Amino acid sequence: MLACEMGSMLGMSWWMWFPGLVVLVALIVFGTWAVNRSAPRTGGPLRILEERYARGEIDAEEFERRRARREGSR
């Protein structure tokens, strides 16, 4: 009898804490996802231009012309 009473000193068994922990983990995962999704994308126009050049969508002449125009507009 005494061991049974000692086990319930916290008022709840471990299985009663489980749903709360699941909700807490879900909130943390959702919060992390939401923050990462709203973070600004890095790279900007020059990075996009470099990626297009690397994929072969534009040639070297077009790349240099657009890069020069981009740097001249700063």
Protein backbone atom coordinates (compact mmCIF):
# COMPACT_ATOMS: atom_id res chain seq x y z
CA MET A 1 0.00 0.00 0.00
CA LEU A 2 2.73 2.44 0.91
CA ALA A 3 4.57 1.93 -2.42
CA CYS A 4 1.37 2.65 -4.32
CA GLU A 5 0.88 5.89 -2.42
CA MET A 6 4.48 6.96 -3.04
CA GLY A 7 4.06 6.45 -6.78
CA SER A 8 1.23 8.92 -6.97
CA MET A 9 2.93 11.76 -5.11
CA LEU A 10 2.97 13.89 -8.23
CA GLY A 11 -0.75 13.46 -8.60
CA MET A 12 -0.52 12.06 -12.13
CA SER A 13 1.06 9.02 -13.66
CA TRP A 14 3.53 9.29 -16.53
CA TRP A 15 0.85 8.42 -19.11
CA MET A 16 -1.17 11.46 -18.05
CA TRP A 17 1.77 13.73 -18.94
CA PHE A 18 2.20 12.16 -22.38
CA PRO A 19 -0.56 14.08 -24.28
CA GLY A 20 0.74 17.37 -22.92
CA LEU A 21 4.27 16.53 -24.05
CA VAL A 22 3.01 15.60 -27.51
CA VAL A 23 1.25 18.97 -27.81
CA LEU A 24 4.36 20.79 -26.56
CA VAL A 25 6.60 19.04 -29.10
CA ALA A 26 4.09 19.79 -31.88
CA LEU A 27 4.07 23.49 -30.94
CA ILE A 28 7.86 23.64 -30.95
CA VAL A 29 8.06 21.92 -34.35
CA PHE A 30 5.39 24.19 -35.81
CA GLY A 31 7.06 27.30 -34.39
CA THR A 32 10.43 26.32 -35.85
CA TRP A 33 8.83 25.63 -39.23
CA ALA A 34 6.98 28.95 -39.22
CA VAL A 35 10.10 30.95 -38.34
CA ASN A 36 12.19 29.23 -41.01
CA ARG A 37 9.48 29.74 -43.61
CA SER A 38 9.20 33.46 -42.91
CA ALA A 39 12.97 34.04 -42.93
CA PRO A 40 14.15 36.10 -45.90
CA ARG A 41 15.80 34.21 -48.70
CA THR A 42 19.49 34.90 -49.09
CA GLY A 43 21.32 35.52 -52.30
CA GLY A 44 19.40 38.17 -54.14
CA PRO A 45 19.52 39.03 -57.83
CA LEU A 46 23.22 38.34 -58.37
CA ARG A 47 22.87 34.84 -56.95
CA ILE A 48 19.92 34.14 -59.25
CA LEU A 49 21.94 35.44 -62.20
CA GLU A 50 24.85 33.17 -61.27
CA GLU A 51 22.52 30.19 -60.97
CA ARG A 52 20.99 30.88 -64.40
CA TYR A 53 24.50 31.12 -65.88
CA ALA A 54 25.52 27.86 -64.19
CA ARG A 55 22.46 26.08 -65.58
CA GLY A 56 23.25 27.36 -69.07
CA GLU A 57 20.12 29.48 -69.40
CA ILE A 58 22.24 32.53 -70.34
CA ASP A 59 25.66 32.78 -71.96
CA ALA A 60 28.77 34.55 -70.64
CA GLU A 61 28.07 37.74 -72.60
CA GLU A 62 24.53 38.01 -71.23
CA PHE A 63 25.80 37.25 -67.71
CA GLU A 64 28.45 39.99 -67.85
CA ARG A 65 26.02 42.51 -69.34
CA ARG A 66 23.39 41.91 -66.65
CA ARG A 67 25.97 41.83 -63.85
CA ALA A 68 27.45 45.13 -65.02
CA ARG A 69 23.99 46.68 -65.19
CA ARG A 70 23.22 45.37 -61.70
CA GLU A 71 26.45 46.72 -60.22
CA GLY A 72 26.00 50.04 -62.00
CA SER A 73 22.57 50.56 -60.45
CA ARG A 74 23.89 50.52 -56.88
